[in-house]
Each structure stands twice: as structure tokens, then as C-alpha cells.
Amino acid sequence: MEITEDLVKAKVAGKYNGIILDVKFADDSQHPAFCGVFDIAEMCRKETIVYVRPATLGNRKVPYEVEFMEEGGSLIYARPNRNNDLFEEAFLKGALPEFAEYDECRRLEAEDHLPHIDFELSNKSGKKAFVFVTNVYHKFGGSAVFPMEVNFFELEMFEEMRRLRTKGCETYAFMIIPRTDCQDIKFSWKYSPLAAAKIFDEAKNGLNFIGYGCNIDKKSVTLSHLMTIQY
């Protein structure tokens, strides 16, 4: 997936409202920038390097949006609204061998009445799989770590996936690791034992978890490799 916008390097000068950063440009001017990921905004400290672009909505009062955050010299992609684009692009290129038996990839619409699931995969024999796409941002050591929480929308997704499994469909939680400094993914009970217990239960009952790393530079982001999940 190409990054078509012109990005501007800046440093975090402060933050407020959870997802609004004050960023400082090379000319010492400061402007507010919207960060679409609370986890990334939370990781930002004063002097953290970010790359921002002009806000896509002309009437938005916050003039910039964060595209990347830099941590330890590595880039972290900060636009979860492009998750489905990344998944669909990789599927259509044949870059997801775990789904090689499926011929079609369709984004779910409102009339499908599965509002918390992103894709339906199918093949000519009638087999179907359903995919929920999400991000894992946090890391510990060399591992991306999850879960930090389970929100209401994910609880609804789990219920929708359970109903689909009773109809013989495969179900997947597809985790994108939008950073380049992790070797694997670690399932952890440390951060939220309740969330971990819920995910452990869903995995035990048939929800498949898959994680993919990314190739990232300031011009493009692509899914690149399957990552081992350590339980």
C-alpha cells in the first residue's frame, strides 16, 4: 500500500485529550495533530519523532494527522483505518498462504448484519471463512504483546464468530503488527488477565489467531511475513 501524502517530520511537544498531540516542526512552529490510535498517543513522549500529514477533512479543526511514530529508530504505522486495505491487498497478491484455499475476498456490508467482522472469504466448493482485522501496537523486549484489553466491539465480534462456527465456517482474528522491531508475538496474562482469559477461551473454542508483520517505510506499508504467536 503506497503512502501518497507528503509527510512532515515533527517532534511531540505535548499532548492532551488522549489523542491530540502538539507537534513542533523544524521551523519551531507548533500545531495540533490528531492521532487515530490511543495506544500510540499514549506511547508518545516529549521529543518523540512523528510524521504527520495535512488532515484529510478540510473542515477539521485539527490541521494535521499522525501517519507514523518513531520508536528506537523503527517506524510504527498509526492509521488503523487502512487495516482492511492492507489485508485485501495481501490476499489479492497471494501473499497470505494461510488462506490459499479461498478464491474470493469480500468486504462485509451493513446488509450482512455482521457489523464487527471485516471480511468473508469463500471458494468454489462453498467453504467460507470470516476475518476480523486488528492491530497489536505494544511490545516487550523483541515481542509484540497482546491483549491489552478487550472492548465492547470485540465482545460482539466474538459472539458473531461463535454463531458462524455453528454454521461450519472458519473464523479468524487477523492481527497486524504495524512496526518493524518485533520478532514474534507474545500472548500475555500480565496486562489484562480478564482480557487474556476471554481470548484464551475464544481460541480454545475455535477462533483462529494469526499475526503478520509489516514492511514499513515512509513511502509504503505492506504485510510481509507470518509471525509466530507464543502462548
Protein backbone atom coordinates (compact mmCIF):
# COMPACT_ATOMS: atom_id res chain seq x y z
CA MET A 1 0.00 0.00 0.00
CA GLU A 2 1.53 3.27 -1.13
CA ILE A 3 1.71 6.36 1.06
CA THR A 4 0.71 9.10 -1.36
CA GLU A 5 0.57 12.05 1.03
CA ASP A 6 3.54 14.32 1.66
CA LEU A 7 4.68 13.76 5.23
CA VAL A 8 6.30 16.27 7.54
CA LYS A 9 8.71 15.27 10.30
CA ALA A 10 7.91 16.75 13.70
CA LYS A 11 8.55 16.23 17.39
CA VAL A 12 5.94 15.84 20.08
CA ALA A 13 5.82 18.93 22.28
CA GLY A 14 2.85 17.88 24.41
CA LYS A 15 -0.46 16.06 24.31
CA TYR A 16 -3.98 16.47 25.57
CA ASN A 17 -7.45 14.92 25.19
CA GLY A 18 -5.85 11.49 24.82
CA ILE A 19 -5.48 11.52 21.03
CA ILE A 20 -4.43 15.12 20.24
CA LEU A 21 -0.71 15.86 20.13
CA ASP A 22 1.05 19.20 19.96
CA VAL A 23 3.80 18.75 17.39
CA LYS A 24 6.75 21.01 16.68
CA PHE A 25 8.12 21.43 13.15
CA ALA A 26 11.67 22.27 12.08
CA ASP A 27 10.81 25.98 11.90
CA ASP A 28 9.78 25.85 15.60
CA SER A 29 6.10 26.34 14.79
CA GLN A 30 3.68 24.20 16.80
CA HIS A 31 0.40 22.72 15.63
CA PRO A 32 -2.11 20.18 16.96
CA ALA A 33 -2.17 16.77 15.28
CA PHE A 34 -4.80 14.06 15.58
CA CYS A 35 -3.55 10.56 16.41
CA GLY A 36 -6.11 7.91 15.46
CA VAL A 37 -4.65 5.32 17.85
CA PHE A 38 -4.93 5.90 21.58
CA ASP A 39 -2.18 3.32 22.24
CA ILE A 40 0.26 5.23 20.03
CA ALA A 41 -0.65 8.59 21.54
CA GLU A 42 -0.06 7.02 24.95
CA MET A 43 3.41 5.83 23.87
CA CYS A 44 4.42 9.29 22.68
CA ARG A 45 6.63 11.31 24.98
CA LYS A 46 8.07 14.79 24.63
CA GLU A 47 10.57 14.84 21.73
CA THR A 48 9.15 11.64 20.20
CA ILE A 49 9.51 11.86 16.42
CA VAL A 50 6.31 11.61 14.40
CA TYR A 51 5.49 12.07 10.73
CA VAL A 52 2.29 13.96 10.04
CA ARG A 53 0.19 14.88 7.01
CA PRO A 54 -2.48 17.50 6.45
CA ALA A 55 -5.86 16.41 7.79
CA THR A 56 -7.95 14.66 5.13
CA LEU A 57 -11.11 16.56 6.07
CA GLY A 58 -10.83 20.20 5.13
CA ASN A 59 -13.17 21.34 7.88
CA ARG A 60 -11.32 19.55 10.67
CA LYS A 61 -10.15 21.99 13.34
CA VAL A 62 -7.01 19.94 13.99
CA PRO A 63 -4.91 20.61 10.88
CA TYR A 64 -2.64 17.52 10.92
CA GLU A 65 -2.92 13.77 11.41
CA VAL A 66 -0.19 11.40 12.58
CA GLU A 67 0.89 8.84 9.96
CA PHE A 68 3.91 7.31 11.73
CA MET A 69 5.52 7.36 15.14
CA GLU A 70 9.22 6.57 15.53
CA GLU A 71 10.43 4.47 18.46
CA GLY A 72 14.01 3.27 18.83
CA GLY A 73 14.67 4.11 15.20
CA SER A 74 11.75 1.99 13.96
CA LEU A 75 8.54 3.26 12.42
CA ILE A 76 5.08 2.42 13.77
CA TYR A 77 2.16 2.90 11.39
CA ALA A 78 -0.65 4.88 13.01
CA ARG A 79 -3.63 4.53 10.65
CA PRO A 80 -5.85 1.61 11.70
CA ASN A 81 -8.48 2.71 9.17
CA ARG A 82 -6.18 1.25 6.48
CA ASN A 83 -6.13 -2.24 8.06
CA ASN A 84 -8.65 -3.63 5.61
CA ASP A 85 -6.73 -2.18 2.66
CA LEU A 86 -3.57 -3.94 3.86
CA PHE A 87 -5.35 -7.28 4.30
CA GLU A 88 -7.19 -7.11 0.98
CA GLU A 89 -4.07 -6.10 -0.92
CA ALA A 90 -2.08 -9.01 0.54
CA PHE A 91 -4.88 -11.50 -0.15
CA LEU A 92 -5.27 -10.43 -3.77
CA LYS A 93 -1.49 -10.72 -4.29
CA GLY A 94 -1.50 -14.26 -2.90
CA ALA A 95 0.74 -13.15 -0.02
CA LEU A 96 -1.35 -14.89 2.69
CA PRO A 97 -0.74 -18.63 2.17
CA GLU A 98 -2.87 -19.47 5.23
CA PHE A 99 -5.88 -18.52 3.11
CA ALA A 100 -4.71 -20.09 -0.16
CA GLU A 101 -7.76 -22.40 -0.39
CA TYR A 102 -10.07 -19.37 -0.74
CA ASP A 103 -10.68 -17.73 -4.11
CA GLU A 104 -12.77 -14.71 -3.14
CA CYS A 105 -12.33 -11.97 -0.58
CA ARG A 106 -15.35 -9.75 0.09
CA ARG A 107 -15.67 -6.83 2.47
CA LEU A 108 -18.77 -7.21 4.58
CA GLU A 109 -21.51 -4.61 4.20
CA ALA A 110 -24.28 -3.40 6.51
CA GLU A 111 -26.78 -5.78 4.92
CA ASP A 112 -24.66 -8.76 6.02
CA HIS A 113 -25.65 -7.99 9.63
CA LEU A 114 -22.17 -8.81 10.90
CA PRO A 115 -21.07 -5.30 11.86
CA HIS A 116 -17.98 -6.30 13.82
CA ILE A 117 -16.41 -8.60 11.20
CA ASP A 118 -14.43 -7.30 8.23
CA PHE A 119 -14.19 -9.98 5.51
CA GLU A 120 -15.86 -13.07 4.12
CA LEU A 121 -13.57 -15.48 2.25
CA SER A 122 -15.06 -18.19 0.05
CA ASN A 123 -14.21 -20.77 -2.58
CA LYS A 124 -16.00 -22.63 -5.34
CA SER A 125 -16.79 -25.60 -3.10
CA GLY A 126 -18.84 -23.34 -0.83
CA LYS A 127 -16.41 -23.21 2.08
CA LYS A 128 -16.35 -19.89 3.94
CA ALA A 129 -14.15 -18.12 6.45
CA PHE A 130 -14.74 -14.85 8.26
CA VAL A 131 -11.96 -12.49 9.30
CA PHE A 132 -11.70 -9.71 11.89
CA VAL A 133 -8.66 -7.48 11.32
CA THR A 134 -6.99 -5.64 14.19
CA ASN A 135 -3.63 -4.19 15.29
CA VAL A 136 -1.14 -5.03 18.02
CA TYR A 137 0.97 -1.98 18.87
CA HIS A 138 2.65 -2.73 22.18
CA LYS A 139 5.92 -4.61 22.56
CA PHE A 140 8.02 -6.03 25.36
CA GLY A 141 11.57 -6.99 24.56
CA GLY A 142 11.54 -8.26 21.00
CA SER A 143 7.91 -9.37 21.03
CA ALA A 144 4.65 -7.68 20.18
CA VAL A 145 2.34 -8.35 23.13
CA PHE A 146 -1.41 -8.83 23.45
CA PRO A 147 -4.04 -8.43 24.80
CA MET A 148 -4.05 -5.03 26.47
CA GLU A 149 -7.83 -5.05 26.71
CA VAL A 150 -10.99 -6.43 25.14
CA ASN A 151 -13.53 -3.77 24.23
CA PHE A 152 -17.30 -3.98 23.69
CA PHE A 153 -16.97 -4.25 19.90
CA GLU A 154 -14.61 -7.21 20.22
CA LEU A 155 -17.01 -8.94 22.61
CA GLU A 156 -19.72 -8.52 19.97
CA MET A 157 -17.34 -9.84 17.34
CA PHE A 158 -16.63 -12.95 19.44
CA GLU A 159 -20.36 -13.65 19.62
CA GLU A 160 -20.82 -13.20 15.86
CA MET A 161 -17.88 -15.53 15.22
CA ARG A 162 -19.34 -18.19 17.52
CA ARG A 163 -22.61 -18.16 15.57
CA LEU A 164 -20.71 -18.51 12.29
CA ARG A 165 -18.78 -21.51 13.59
CA THR A 166 -22.05 -23.30 14.36
CA LYS A 167 -22.77 -22.99 10.61
CA GLY A 168 -19.49 -24.70 9.73
CA CYS A 169 -17.49 -21.55 8.88
CA GLU A 170 -13.89 -20.94 9.85
CA THR A 171 -13.22 -17.79 11.88
CA TYR A 172 -10.05 -15.74 12.23
CA ALA A 173 -8.72 -12.85 14.26
CA PHE A 174 -6.03 -11.43 11.99
CA MET A 175 -3.51 -9.31 13.88
CA ILE A 176 -1.38 -6.78 12.02
CA ILE A 177 1.84 -5.76 13.76
CA PRO A 178 2.40 -2.29 12.25
CA ARG A 179 6.00 -1.95 13.42
CA THR A 180 9.33 -3.43 12.30
CA ASP A 181 11.08 -4.17 15.60
CA CYS A 182 9.29 -7.36 16.74
CA GLN A 183 10.40 -10.92 16.03
CA ASP A 184 7.27 -12.67 17.27
CA ILE A 185 4.00 -12.14 19.15
CA LYS A 186 3.54 -12.97 22.81
CA PHE A 187 0.18 -13.79 24.37
CA SER A 188 0.42 -12.38 27.87
CA TRP A 189 -1.66 -12.64 31.03
CA LYS A 190 0.25 -9.71 32.56
CA TYR A 191 -1.52 -6.63 31.22
CA SER A 192 -5.18 -7.59 31.47
CA PRO A 193 -5.91 -11.01 32.98
CA LEU A 194 -9.62 -10.69 32.21
CA ALA A 195 -8.95 -9.92 28.53
CA ALA A 196 -6.40 -12.74 28.36
CA ALA A 197 -8.89 -15.19 29.86
CA LYS A 198 -11.51 -14.17 27.30
CA ILE A 199 -9.15 -14.56 24.35
CA PHE A 200 -7.82 -17.87 25.67
CA ASP A 201 -11.40 -19.12 25.89
CA GLU A 202 -12.22 -17.95 22.34
CA ALA A 203 -9.10 -19.62 20.94
CA LYS A 204 -9.95 -22.85 22.77
CA ASN A 205 -13.42 -22.76 21.21
CA GLY A 206 -12.29 -22.38 17.62
CA LEU A 207 -11.35 -18.76 16.87
CA ASN A 208 -8.05 -18.86 14.98
CA PHE A 209 -5.45 -16.18 15.71
CA ILE A 210 -2.95 -15.18 13.02
CA GLY A 211 -0.34 -12.41 13.20
CA TYR A 212 1.51 -10.71 10.34
CA GLY A 213 4.44 -8.34 10.42
CA CYS A 214 4.90 -5.44 8.02
CA ASN A 215 7.47 -3.89 5.75
CA ILE A 216 7.30 -0.18 6.53
CA ASP A 217 8.95 2.92 5.19
CA LYS A 218 7.67 6.44 4.71
CA LYS A 219 6.51 5.59 1.18
CA SER A 220 4.69 2.29 1.67
CA VAL A 221 3.33 -0.27 4.14
CA THR A 222 2.76 -3.92 3.21
CA LEU A 223 2.08 -7.15 5.07
CA SER A 224 5.27 -9.16 4.78
CA HIS A 225 5.55 -12.28 6.96
CA LEU A 226 3.68 -14.60 9.29
CA MET A 227 4.74 -14.16 12.91
CA THR A 228 4.82 -16.95 15.47
CA ILE A 229 2.44 -16.46 18.40
CA GLN A 230 3.97 -17.59 21.70
CA TYR A 231 1.37 -18.77 24.22
